[in-house]
Amino acid sequence: MLTPLRAVPAPAADSPTLPHNLDAEAALLGAMMIDNRLAEDVQLKLRPEHFFEPVHGEIYAAILKLVDRAMLATPVTLRPMFADHPALAELGGPAYLAQLTEQSAALIAAKDFAAQIYDLALLRELVRVGREMVVSASDTSQDVNPHDQIQQAELALYKVAEEGEVSNSVKSFAQSATLAVQMAERAKQSGGHLSGITTGLNALNTKIGGLHRSDLIILAGRPAMGKTALATNIAFSAAERLMKDRADQIDKTSGAGVAFFSLEMSADQLATRILAEQARISSEDLRMGKINQAQFRDLVRASAALQDLPLYIDDTPGLTIAAMRSRARRLKRQKGVGLIVVDYLQLLQGSSRQSNENRVNEISEITRGLKTLAKELNVPVIALSQLSRAVEQREDKRPQLADLRESGTIEQDADIVLFVYRDEYYHAQKKPEDGTEKFEKWMERGIAIRGRAEVIVAKQRHGSTGIVDLHFEAVHTRFSDLADDAHLPERDYE
């Protein structure tokens, strides 16, 4: 056995000892000096600050430094680096380095020692976060905002939970290539068009390949175009697919649990839309109670069938981007959500005072925050966005990237930009004089475009842009694939 190590300053009698294992630390260091190849395995996760004994952390850092220089790390080569080290002198000086290598049996369990050292470091960090939370909560000065403290505490706990996940951020080409092949295989098995999370619309899946993890998707449109309806349809389809695949015990699902941040509508309004769509009842009739007994039974059946739907709605008003990210992390950790929807981007608030003074800077902070969240949680994020009124001033009302409201960073940060456009909405405003030839052509075109909608893919990092034709039922606020591609009469009635 090693001689007793110098004790870290003893805690007060009424304070508990922090979790640690000095013997495991000493055994690991000794094993690494005997076999330097161990450094390749443990350094991916274990850092010098994870050691409870500071001297051990310094010895560990010195070993890694020599190994990185392709030099042998032994008690002999480390000796000059610790010749005048005051803390090591208390343990016996450089001779302590040789003493560490006396337990050659530690080679067998070196990785287990490293894992325990890391776990104990996490527990100490958790104790530290807890103490800081107690100190912060005890501060009752006027400048303290309890909600900000809660957000900071959640962020600190999330960092502890995610600590050490280095393998997720740095991948070899072989690992990356394997993921690419798996994505291609998934698309092939789905019929050649779906490699991400399903949107529930075959035509849109074919165009964009589904919703890809870590992507920020902007879904924009003018009022009454149906952007909230499309986002709700996509969220429901992804959650429903996951629910059904779980019931059928299918592992490789194209569905996902969904976190829906509804800053515009309340949770019950959003649920009403979904239930109305599934029960094939007008959402307006449902809200006003204009349904018969048979329709009510359909509504109850739809509600019962969706009890296990993994769709989580947060309708907290006035969320800051920091608060939303904190809630999203919690839902990812607790519920395992794989898709986030934000309705809508302009209702989020920036976190800093400076951003609040400049709306463009605030929107920039929000879009960067959403993109960072998508990468951090490795999930697609759909953010709805308003368009400027410039659309209404043009002859062709189809939106363009320049119409994205308030900030060019929306286009810059987005991986995919989708616009929802319904010609039927504007067509009604162009009615010619009744009984004329133009009126007949206007009527003919009105019949042809009834219930038709376009999703314009204006930007896509993964593929081409273009237009996806869909069918829209205004009564049920529901999008679906177009049954046919009938030719549309020209707009020569104008």
Protein backbone atom coordinates (compact mmCIF):
# COMPACT_ATOMS: atom_id res chain seq x y z
CA MET A 1 0.00 0.00 0.00
CA LEU A 2 0.97 3.61 -0.53
CA THR A 3 1.89 5.73 2.43
CA PRO A 4 -0.95 8.01 3.58
CA LEU A 5 -1.39 10.98 1.28
CA ARG A 6 -1.38 14.55 2.46
CA ALA A 7 -4.92 15.37 3.37
CA VAL A 8 -6.74 18.18 1.62
CA PRO A 9 -7.62 20.80 4.27
CA ALA A 10 -10.11 19.17 6.61
CA PRO A 11 -13.67 20.44 6.41
CA ALA A 12 -15.41 21.91 9.39
CA ALA A 13 -16.97 19.48 11.80
CA ASP A 14 -20.49 20.35 10.68
CA SER A 15 -19.79 20.11 6.90
CA PRO A 16 -19.81 16.80 5.02
CA THR A 17 -16.69 15.53 3.24
CA LEU A 18 -16.82 15.93 -0.53
CA PRO A 19 -16.95 12.66 -2.52
CA HIS A 20 -13.47 11.45 -3.50
CA ASN A 21 -11.15 8.43 -3.70
CA LEU A 22 -7.47 9.30 -3.37
CA ASP A 23 -6.39 5.66 -3.71
CA ALA A 24 -8.11 5.39 -7.11
CA GLU A 25 -6.40 8.59 -8.26
CA ALA A 26 -2.97 7.32 -7.18
CA ALA A 27 -3.55 3.90 -8.75
CA LEU A 28 -4.59 5.43 -12.09
CA LEU A 29 -1.56 7.71 -12.23
CA GLY A 30 0.74 4.78 -11.46
CA ALA A 31 -0.87 2.66 -14.18
CA MET A 32 -0.51 5.48 -16.72
CA MET A 33 3.19 5.85 -15.96
CA ILE A 34 3.67 2.08 -16.40
CA ASP A 35 1.68 1.98 -19.67
CA ASN A 36 1.45 5.36 -21.42
CA ARG A 37 -1.08 3.95 -23.91
CA LEU A 38 -3.75 4.27 -21.22
CA ALA A 39 -3.62 8.04 -21.74
CA GLU A 40 -5.28 7.62 -25.14
CA ASP A 41 -8.35 6.08 -23.51
CA VAL A 42 -8.82 8.17 -20.39
CA GLN A 43 -7.97 11.65 -21.66
CA LEU A 44 -11.10 11.78 -23.86
CA LYS A 45 -13.23 12.14 -20.75
CA LEU A 46 -10.97 12.75 -17.75
CA ARG A 47 -9.41 16.17 -17.20
CA PRO A 48 -6.90 17.38 -14.57
CA GLU A 49 -9.59 19.28 -12.66
CA HIS A 50 -11.52 16.04 -12.12
CA PHE A 51 -8.89 14.93 -9.56
CA PHE A 52 -9.73 15.77 -5.96
CA GLU A 53 -6.07 16.02 -4.92
CA PRO A 54 -4.60 19.03 -6.80
CA VAL A 55 -1.13 17.44 -7.01
CA HIS A 56 -2.64 14.40 -8.71
CA GLY A 57 -4.28 16.68 -11.26
CA GLU A 58 -0.92 18.30 -12.00
CA ILE A 59 0.82 14.91 -12.37
CA TYR A 60 -1.97 13.79 -14.72
CA ALA A 61 -1.57 16.95 -16.84
CA ALA A 62 2.21 16.44 -16.98
CA ILE A 63 1.76 12.83 -18.16
CA LEU A 64 -0.59 13.96 -20.94
CA LYS A 65 1.83 16.69 -21.94
CA LEU A 66 4.74 14.25 -22.36
CA VAL A 67 2.61 11.70 -24.19
CA ASP A 68 1.41 14.44 -26.53
CA ARG A 69 5.06 15.17 -27.37
CA ALA A 70 5.60 11.46 -28.12
CA MET A 71 7.85 11.18 -25.06
CA LEU A 72 7.78 8.51 -22.35
CA ALA A 73 5.99 9.58 -19.18
CA THR A 74 7.76 7.81 -16.32
CA PRO A 75 8.84 8.82 -12.81
CA VAL A 76 12.27 9.57 -14.28
CA THR A 77 11.04 11.89 -17.10
CA LEU A 78 8.51 13.58 -14.80
CA ARG A 79 11.06 14.20 -12.02
CA PRO A 80 12.48 17.49 -13.42
CA MET A 81 8.97 18.90 -13.75
CA PHE A 82 8.30 18.42 -10.01
CA ALA A 83 11.79 18.89 -8.56
CA ASP A 84 10.85 22.06 -6.64
CA HIS A 85 7.14 21.48 -6.33
CA PRO A 86 6.14 22.53 -2.77
CA ALA A 87 2.94 20.47 -2.58
CA LEU A 88 4.67 17.31 -3.83
CA ALA A 89 7.43 17.88 -1.25
CA GLU A 90 4.83 17.33 1.48
CA LEU A 91 4.17 13.87 0.00
CA GLY A 92 7.86 12.90 -0.08
CA GLY A 93 9.09 14.85 -3.08
CA PRO A 94 9.82 13.32 -6.53
CA ALA A 95 10.23 9.92 -4.86
CA TYR A 96 6.44 9.89 -4.56
CA LEU A 97 6.25 9.51 -8.36
CA ALA A 98 8.12 6.21 -8.20
CA GLN A 99 5.96 5.15 -5.29
CA LEU A 100 2.86 5.53 -7.46
CA THR A 101 4.09 2.84 -9.87
CA GLU A 102 4.49 0.17 -7.21
CA GLN A 103 0.94 -1.13 -7.70
CA SER A 104 1.31 -2.81 -11.10
CA ALA A 105 -1.98 -4.65 -10.50
CA ALA A 106 -3.73 -1.31 -11.09
CA LEU A 107 -3.17 -1.79 -14.84
CA ILE A 108 -6.05 -4.25 -14.96
CA ALA A 109 -8.61 -1.83 -13.50
CA ALA A 110 -7.21 1.48 -14.77
CA LYS A 111 -10.29 2.33 -16.87
CA ASP A 112 -12.55 1.56 -13.91
CA PHE A 113 -10.50 3.90 -11.73
CA ALA A 114 -10.81 6.64 -14.37
CA ALA A 115 -14.58 6.17 -14.53
CA GLN A 116 -14.89 6.41 -10.75
CA ILE A 117 -12.72 9.53 -10.56
CA TYR A 118 -14.91 11.15 -13.21
CA ASP A 119 -18.17 10.17 -11.47
CA LEU A 120 -16.94 11.49 -8.12
CA ALA A 121 -15.94 14.76 -9.81
CA LEU A 122 -19.49 15.09 -11.14
CA LEU A 123 -20.87 14.54 -7.65
CA ARG A 124 -18.58 17.26 -6.27
CA GLU A 125 -19.72 19.61 -9.05
CA LEU A 126 -23.31 18.82 -8.16
CA VAL A 127 -22.57 19.70 -4.53
CA ARG A 128 -21.01 22.99 -5.67
CA VAL A 129 -24.02 23.87 -7.83
CA GLY A 130 -26.33 23.03 -4.93
CA ARG A 131 -24.42 25.28 -2.56
CA GLU A 132 -24.49 28.15 -5.06
CA MET A 133 -28.23 27.67 -5.49
CA VAL A 134 -28.70 27.92 -1.72
CA VAL A 135 -26.57 31.09 -1.53
CA SER A 136 -28.40 32.68 -4.49
CA ALA A 137 -31.81 31.78 -3.10
CA SER A 138 -30.84 33.35 0.23
CA ASP A 139 -30.19 36.70 -1.45
CA THR A 140 -33.35 38.78 -0.97
CA SER A 141 -32.10 42.09 -2.35
CA GLN A 142 -34.34 44.03 -4.73
CA ASP A 143 -32.07 43.45 -7.74
CA VAL A 144 -32.55 39.69 -7.58
CA ASN A 145 -35.04 38.10 -9.99
CA PRO A 146 -36.11 34.63 -8.75
CA HIS A 147 -37.05 33.49 -12.27
CA ASP A 148 -33.57 34.37 -13.55
CA GLN A 149 -32.07 32.38 -10.67
CA ILE A 150 -34.19 29.35 -11.60
CA GLN A 151 -33.04 29.58 -15.23
CA GLN A 152 -29.41 29.87 -14.16
CA ALA A 153 -29.79 26.90 -11.82
CA GLU A 154 -31.35 24.79 -14.58
CA LEU A 155 -28.55 25.74 -16.96
CA ALA A 156 -25.92 24.84 -14.35
CA LEU A 157 -27.55 21.46 -13.72
CA TYR A 158 -27.81 20.81 -17.46
CA LYS A 159 -24.10 21.52 -17.88
CA VAL A 160 -23.35 19.01 -15.12
CA ALA A 161 -25.59 16.44 -16.83
CA GLU A 162 -23.91 16.99 -20.20
CA GLU A 163 -20.36 17.23 -18.80
CA GLY A 164 -17.79 15.11 -20.56
CA GLU A 165 -19.80 14.22 -23.66
CA VAL A 166 -16.75 14.86 -25.83
CA SER A 167 -17.40 11.88 -28.06
CA ASN A 168 -20.56 13.62 -29.32
CA SER A 169 -18.72 16.73 -30.50
CA VAL A 170 -15.63 15.25 -32.15
CA LYS A 171 -16.10 12.36 -34.55
CA SER A 172 -13.66 10.59 -36.81
CA PHE A 173 -14.42 10.43 -40.51
CA ALA A 174 -15.28 6.75 -40.09
CA GLN A 175 -17.93 7.61 -37.49
CA SER A 176 -19.31 10.43 -39.63
CA ALA A 177 -19.38 8.21 -42.72
CA THR A 178 -21.25 5.52 -40.78
CA LEU A 179 -23.91 8.06 -39.79
CA ALA A 180 -24.19 9.17 -43.43
CA VAL A 181 -24.67 5.59 -44.62
CA GLN A 182 -27.29 4.98 -41.94
CA MET A 183 -29.16 8.09 -43.06
CA ALA A 184 -29.04 6.92 -46.69
CA GLU A 185 -30.25 3.47 -45.66
CA ARG A 186 -33.12 5.04 -43.75
CA ALA A 187 -34.12 7.10 -46.81
CA LYS A 188 -33.93 4.01 -49.04
CA GLN A 189 -36.12 1.94 -46.71
CA SER A 190 -38.73 4.70 -46.60
CA GLY A 191 -39.13 4.66 -50.37
CA GLY A 192 -36.27 6.94 -51.30
CA HIS A 193 -37.46 10.24 -49.85
CA LEU A 194 -37.29 10.30 -46.05
CA SER A 195 -34.02 10.41 -44.11
CA GLY A 196 -35.15 12.62 -41.21
CA ILE A 197 -38.27 13.03 -39.09
CA THR A 198 -41.49 12.83 -41.08
CA THR A 199 -43.59 15.91 -41.81
CA GLY A 200 -46.62 13.73 -42.51
CA LEU A 201 -46.71 15.05 -46.09
CA ASN A 202 -45.16 12.80 -48.73
CA ALA A 203 -44.61 15.62 -51.22
CA LEU A 204 -42.76 17.74 -48.65
CA ASN A 205 -40.78 14.73 -47.38
CA THR A 206 -39.70 14.02 -50.97
CA LYS A 207 -38.51 17.61 -51.44
CA ILE A 208 -36.55 18.11 -48.20
CA GLY A 209 -36.02 14.51 -47.03
CA GLY A 210 -37.86 15.11 -43.76
CA LEU A 211 -36.69 17.19 -40.81
CA HIS A 212 -32.98 16.69 -40.15
CA ARG A 213 -31.45 16.75 -36.70
CA SER A 214 -29.58 19.95 -35.71
CA ASP A 215 -31.37 21.92 -38.47
CA LEU A 216 -33.16 25.24 -37.93
CA ILE A 217 -36.23 25.34 -40.18
CA ILE A 218 -37.96 28.69 -40.65
CA LEU A 219 -41.64 28.41 -41.63
CA ALA A 220 -42.95 31.81 -42.70
CA GLY A 221 -46.04 33.31 -44.26
CA ARG A 222 -48.43 36.23 -44.18
CA PRO A 223 -51.47 36.09 -41.85
CA ALA A 224 -54.21 33.62 -42.91
CA MET A 225 -51.82 31.59 -45.07
CA GLY A 226 -51.94 28.64 -42.65
CA LYS A 227 -48.40 28.56 -41.25
CA THR A 228 -49.60 27.63 -37.74
CA ALA A 229 -51.87 24.96 -39.24
CA LEU A 230 -48.94 23.48 -41.19
CA ALA A 231 -46.68 23.53 -38.12
CA THR A 232 -49.41 21.85 -36.05
CA ASN A 233 -49.94 19.20 -38.74
CA ILE A 234 -46.20 18.46 -38.86
CA ALA A 235 -45.90 18.29 -35.06
CA PHE A 236 -48.88 15.97 -34.78
CA SER A 237 -47.66 13.70 -37.60
CA ALA A 238 -44.21 13.29 -36.03
CA ALA A 239 -45.66 12.58 -32.59
CA GLU A 240 -48.31 10.20 -33.97
CA ARG A 241 -45.71 8.24 -35.94
CA LEU A 242 -43.61 7.80 -32.80
CA MET A 243 -46.67 6.73 -30.79
CA LYS A 244 -47.68 4.12 -33.39
CA ASP A 245 -44.13 2.80 -33.85
CA ARG A 246 -43.76 2.42 -30.08
CA ALA A 247 -47.01 0.44 -30.00
CA ASP A 248 -45.74 -1.78 -32.82
CA GLN A 249 -42.31 -2.05 -31.11
CA ILE A 250 -40.51 -0.53 -34.11
CA ASP A 251 -37.09 0.82 -33.13
CA LYS A 252 -36.13 2.72 -36.29
CA THR A 253 -38.91 5.27 -36.31
CA SER A 254 -39.23 8.42 -38.40
CA GLY A 255 -41.40 9.95 -35.68
CA ALA A 256 -40.38 12.01 -32.66
CA GLY A 257 -41.66 13.41 -29.41
CA VAL A 258 -42.51 17.09 -29.92
CA ALA A 259 -42.10 20.15 -27.71
CA PHE A 260 -44.47 22.84 -29.01
CA PHE A 261 -43.82 26.34 -27.64
CA SER A 262 -47.05 28.19 -28.42
CA LEU A 263 -46.51 31.86 -27.66
CA GLU A 264 -49.57 32.94 -29.66
CA MET A 265 -52.28 30.38 -28.83
CA SER A 266 -53.09 28.71 -25.54
CA ALA A 267 -52.55 24.98 -25.05
CA ASP A 268 -56.29 24.25 -25.16
CA GLN A 269 -56.70 26.19 -28.42
CA LEU A 270 -53.88 24.21 -29.99
CA ALA A 271 -55.34 20.94 -28.70
CA THR A 272 -58.74 21.97 -30.08
CA ARG A 273 -57.22 22.35 -33.54
CA ILE A 274 -55.64 18.91 -33.41
CA LEU A 275 -58.76 17.19 -32.06
CA ALA A 276 -60.98 18.96 -34.62
CA GLU A 277 -58.73 17.78 -37.42
CA GLN A 278 -58.69 14.17 -36.20
CA ALA A 279 -62.46 14.09 -35.58
CA ARG A 280 -63.12 15.82 -38.95
CA ILE A 281 -65.05 18.60 -37.22
CA SER A 282 -64.84 22.31 -37.96
CA SER A 283 -62.67 23.88 -35.28
CA GLU A 284 -64.95 26.95 -35.34
CA ASP A 285 -68.03 24.77 -34.74
CA LEU A 286 -66.17 22.99 -31.96
CA ARG A 287 -65.26 26.23 -30.20
CA MET A 288 -68.83 27.54 -30.45
CA GLY A 289 -70.44 24.25 -29.45
CA LYS A 290 -72.21 23.75 -32.80
CA ILE A 291 -71.74 19.99 -32.89
CA ASN A 292 -74.25 17.17 -32.70
CA GLN A 293 -74.08 14.06 -30.53
CA ALA A 294 -72.42 11.94 -33.22
CA GLN A 295 -69.69 14.57 -33.72
CA PHE A 296 -69.19 14.76 -29.96
CA ARG A 297 -68.68 10.98 -29.83
CA ASP A 298 -66.10 11.28 -32.63
CA LEU A 299 -64.37 13.98 -30.61
CA VAL A 300 -64.25 11.82 -27.47
CA ARG A 301 -62.90 8.86 -29.47
CA ALA A 302 -60.19 11.05 -31.01
CA SER A 303 -59.24 12.36 -27.57
CA ALA A 304 -59.04 8.84 -26.12
CA ALA A 305 -56.93 7.60 -29.04
CA LEU A 306 -54.42 10.41 -28.49
CA GLN A 307 -53.96 10.06 -24.73
CA ASP A 308 -50.40 8.75 -25.20
CA LEU A 309 -49.45 11.23 -27.94
CA PRO A 310 -45.89 12.46 -27.14
CA LEU A 311 -46.74 16.10 -27.87
CA TYR A 312 -45.92 18.55 -25.08
CA ILE A 313 -47.33 22.09 -25.28
CA ASP A 314 -45.79 25.03 -23.42
CA ASP A 315 -48.00 28.13 -23.77
CA THR A 316 -46.10 30.38 -21.36
CA PRO A 317 -46.35 33.96 -22.74
CA GLY A 318 -43.43 36.35 -23.07
CA LEU A 319 -40.68 33.73 -22.96
CA THR A 320 -37.09 34.86 -23.38
CA ILE A 321 -34.85 32.81 -25.64
CA ALA A 322 -32.83 31.78 -22.58
CA ALA A 323 -35.94 30.58 -20.73
CA MET A 324 -37.19 28.70 -23.79
CA ARG A 325 -33.84 26.95 -24.24
CA SER A 326 -33.85 26.00 -20.55
CA ARG A 327 -37.34 24.48 -20.87
CA ALA A 328 -36.38 22.69 -24.08
CA ARG A 329 -33.35 21.11 -22.39
CA ARG A 330 -35.58 19.92 -19.56
CA LEU A 331 -38.10 18.37 -21.98
CA LYS A 332 -35.27 16.70 -23.89
CA ARG A 333 -33.89 15.27 -20.65
CA GLN A 334 -37.21 14.24 -19.10
CA LYS A 335 -39.38 13.37 -22.11
CA GLY A 336 -36.79 12.64 -24.80
CA VAL A 337 -38.34 15.03 -27.34
CA GLY A 338 -36.84 14.90 -30.83
CA LEU A 339 -38.51 17.93 -32.45
CA ILE A 340 -39.07 21.50 -31.23
CA VAL A 341 -41.65 23.91 -32.69
CA VAL A 342 -41.77 27.62 -31.82
CA ASP A 343 -44.89 29.62 -32.74
CA TYR A 344 -43.70 32.19 -33.40
CA LEU A 345 -40.21 33.66 -33.52
CA GLN A 346 -41.13 37.35 -33.19
CA LEU A 347 -42.95 36.71 -29.89
CA LEU A 348 -39.75 35.50 -28.22
CA GLN A 349 -37.73 38.05 -26.30
CA GLY A 350 -33.98 38.57 -26.13
CA SER A 351 -32.11 37.96 -22.90
CA SER A 352 -29.96 41.06 -22.67
CA ARG A 353 -30.90 44.70 -22.20
CA GLN A 354 -28.85 45.75 -25.22
CA SER A 355 -30.77 43.42 -27.52
CA ASN A 356 -34.07 44.78 -26.23
CA GLU A 357 -33.02 48.29 -27.25
CA ASN A 358 -32.49 47.19 -30.86
CA ARG A 359 -35.08 44.88 -32.40
CA VAL A 360 -32.76 43.70 -35.20
CA ASN A 361 -30.11 42.70 -32.67
CA GLU A 362 -32.77 41.00 -30.58
CA ILE A 363 -34.02 38.90 -33.52
CA SER A 364 -30.40 38.06 -34.34
CA GLU A 365 -29.86 36.82 -30.78
CA ILE A 366 -33.05 34.75 -30.97
CA THR A 367 -32.23 33.05 -34.29
CA ARG A 368 -28.66 32.29 -33.18
CA GLY A 369 -30.07 30.90 -29.94
CA LEU A 370 -32.49 28.64 -31.82
CA LYS A 371 -29.76 27.35 -34.14
CA THR A 372 -27.47 26.73 -31.16
CA LEU A 373 -30.30 24.87 -29.43
CA ALA A 374 -30.85 22.66 -32.50
CA LYS A 375 -27.18 21.67 -32.54
CA GLU A 376 -26.88 21.36 -28.77
CA LEU A 377 -29.85 19.00 -28.42
CA ASN A 378 -29.33 17.41 -31.86
CA VAL A 379 -32.97 17.91 -32.85
CA PRO A 380 -34.68 19.87 -35.67
CA VAL A 381 -36.17 23.18 -34.57
CA ILE A 382 -39.09 24.66 -36.54
CA ALA A 383 -39.56 28.36 -35.90
CA LEU A 384 -42.54 30.18 -37.39
CA SER A 385 -41.93 33.70 -38.61
CA GLN A 386 -43.92 36.65 -39.87
CA LEU A 387 -43.30 38.31 -43.21
CA SER A 388 -43.12 42.03 -43.90
CA ARG A 389 -46.00 43.86 -45.61
CA ALA A 390 -43.85 44.28 -48.73
CA VAL A 391 -45.52 41.13 -50.02
CA GLU A 392 -48.85 42.95 -50.31
CA GLN A 393 -47.32 45.68 -52.48
CA ARG A 394 -46.27 43.31 -55.29
CA GLU A 395 -48.36 41.97 -58.13
CA ASP A 396 -47.12 38.43 -57.42
CA LYS A 397 -47.86 37.81 -53.76
CA ARG A 398 -45.56 34.81 -53.46
CA PRO A 399 -43.08 35.56 -50.65
CA GLN A 400 -39.33 35.84 -51.13
CA LEU A 401 -36.37 35.61 -48.75
CA ALA A 402 -36.15 39.42 -48.63
CA ASP A 403 -39.63 39.46 -47.06
CA LEU A 404 -38.46 37.82 -43.82
CA ARG A 405 -39.34 40.37 -41.20
CA GLU A 406 -36.89 42.46 -39.13
CA SER A 407 -33.58 40.67 -39.64
CA GLY A 408 -31.42 39.18 -42.38
CA THR A 409 -29.93 36.81 -39.81
CA ILE A 410 -33.13 34.74 -39.98
CA GLU A 411 -32.16 33.72 -43.52
CA GLN A 412 -28.49 33.45 -42.56
CA ASP A 413 -28.98 31.15 -39.54
CA ALA A 414 -31.68 28.95 -41.11
CA ASP A 415 -30.84 25.65 -42.77
CA ILE A 416 -34.22 25.53 -44.51
CA VAL A 417 -36.66 28.37 -45.21
CA LEU A 418 -40.24 27.43 -46.12
CA PHE A 419 -42.98 29.85 -47.18
CA VAL A 420 -46.69 29.00 -47.07
CA TYR A 421 -48.72 30.57 -49.88
CA ARG A 422 -52.40 30.18 -50.82
CA ASP A 423 -53.45 31.90 -54.03
CA GLU A 424 -57.07 31.28 -53.09
CA TYR A 425 -56.82 33.92 -50.34
CA TYR A 426 -55.72 36.70 -52.72
CA HIS A 427 -57.94 35.50 -55.57
CA ALA A 428 -61.07 36.38 -53.61
CA GLN A 429 -59.92 40.01 -53.43
CA LYS A 430 -59.71 40.35 -57.25
CA LYS A 431 -63.34 39.72 -58.16
CA PRO A 432 -64.20 41.42 -61.53
CA GLU A 433 -67.59 42.88 -62.36
CA ASP A 434 -70.31 40.25 -62.31
CA GLY A 435 -71.52 38.98 -65.69
CA THR A 436 -68.40 39.92 -67.68
CA GLU A 437 -66.07 37.53 -69.53
CA LYS A 438 -63.36 38.23 -66.95
CA PHE A 439 -65.80 37.20 -64.23
CA GLU A 440 -66.32 33.82 -65.89
CA LYS A 441 -62.56 33.24 -66.10
CA TRP A 442 -62.20 34.41 -62.50
CA MET A 443 -64.81 31.86 -61.43
CA GLU A 444 -63.11 29.12 -63.47
CA ARG A 445 -59.76 29.78 -61.84
CA GLY A 446 -61.35 30.06 -58.39
CA ILE A 447 -62.76 26.55 -58.76
CA ALA A 448 -59.38 25.22 -59.94
CA ILE A 449 -57.36 26.69 -57.05
CA ARG A 450 -59.90 25.98 -54.34
CA GLY A 451 -58.18 24.19 -51.47
CA ARG A 452 -54.73 24.37 -53.08
CA ALA A 453 -51.66 25.62 -51.26
CA GLU A 454 -47.98 25.96 -52.00
CA VAL A 455 -45.02 25.40 -49.72
CA ILE A 456 -42.15 27.30 -51.28
CA VAL A 457 -38.72 25.89 -50.38
CA ALA A 458 -36.76 29.16 -50.67
CA LYS A 459 -33.55 27.90 -49.06
CA GLN A 460 -32.21 24.43 -48.36
CA ARG A 461 -28.64 23.60 -47.39
CA HIS A 462 -29.17 19.91 -48.16
CA GLY A 463 -30.81 20.15 -51.58
CA SER A 464 -32.61 22.18 -54.19
CA THR A 465 -35.25 24.85 -53.82
CA GLY A 466 -38.67 24.73 -55.45
CA ILE A 467 -42.42 24.53 -54.85
CA VAL A 468 -44.42 21.74 -53.20
CA ASP A 469 -48.14 21.65 -54.06
CA LEU A 470 -50.47 20.65 -51.22
CA HIS A 471 -54.18 20.52 -50.43
CA PHE A 472 -55.56 22.71 -47.64
CA GLU A 473 -58.90 22.24 -45.90
CA ALA A 474 -59.76 25.57 -44.32
CA VAL A 475 -62.61 24.06 -42.29
CA HIS A 476 -60.32 21.58 -40.54
CA THR A 477 -57.13 23.72 -40.83
CA ARG A 478 -55.50 20.64 -42.32
CA PHE A 479 -52.82 20.20 -44.99
CA SER A 480 -52.56 17.00 -47.05
CA ASP A 481 -50.93 15.77 -50.25
CA LEU A 482 -52.55 16.96 -53.46
CA ALA A 483 -54.66 14.30 -55.15
CA ASP A 484 -53.89 15.55 -58.68
CA ASP A 485 -51.93 18.24 -60.51
CA ALA A 486 -54.68 19.71 -62.65
CA HIS A 487 -53.67 22.57 -64.92
CA LEU A 488 -54.51 25.98 -63.49
CA PRO A 489 -56.19 28.54 -65.77
CA GLU A 490 -54.08 31.67 -66.39
CA ARG A 491 -54.69 34.90 -64.51
CA ASP A 492 -56.01 36.76 -67.57
CA TYR A 493 -59.08 37.98 -65.69
CA GLU A 494 -57.05 40.80 -64.13
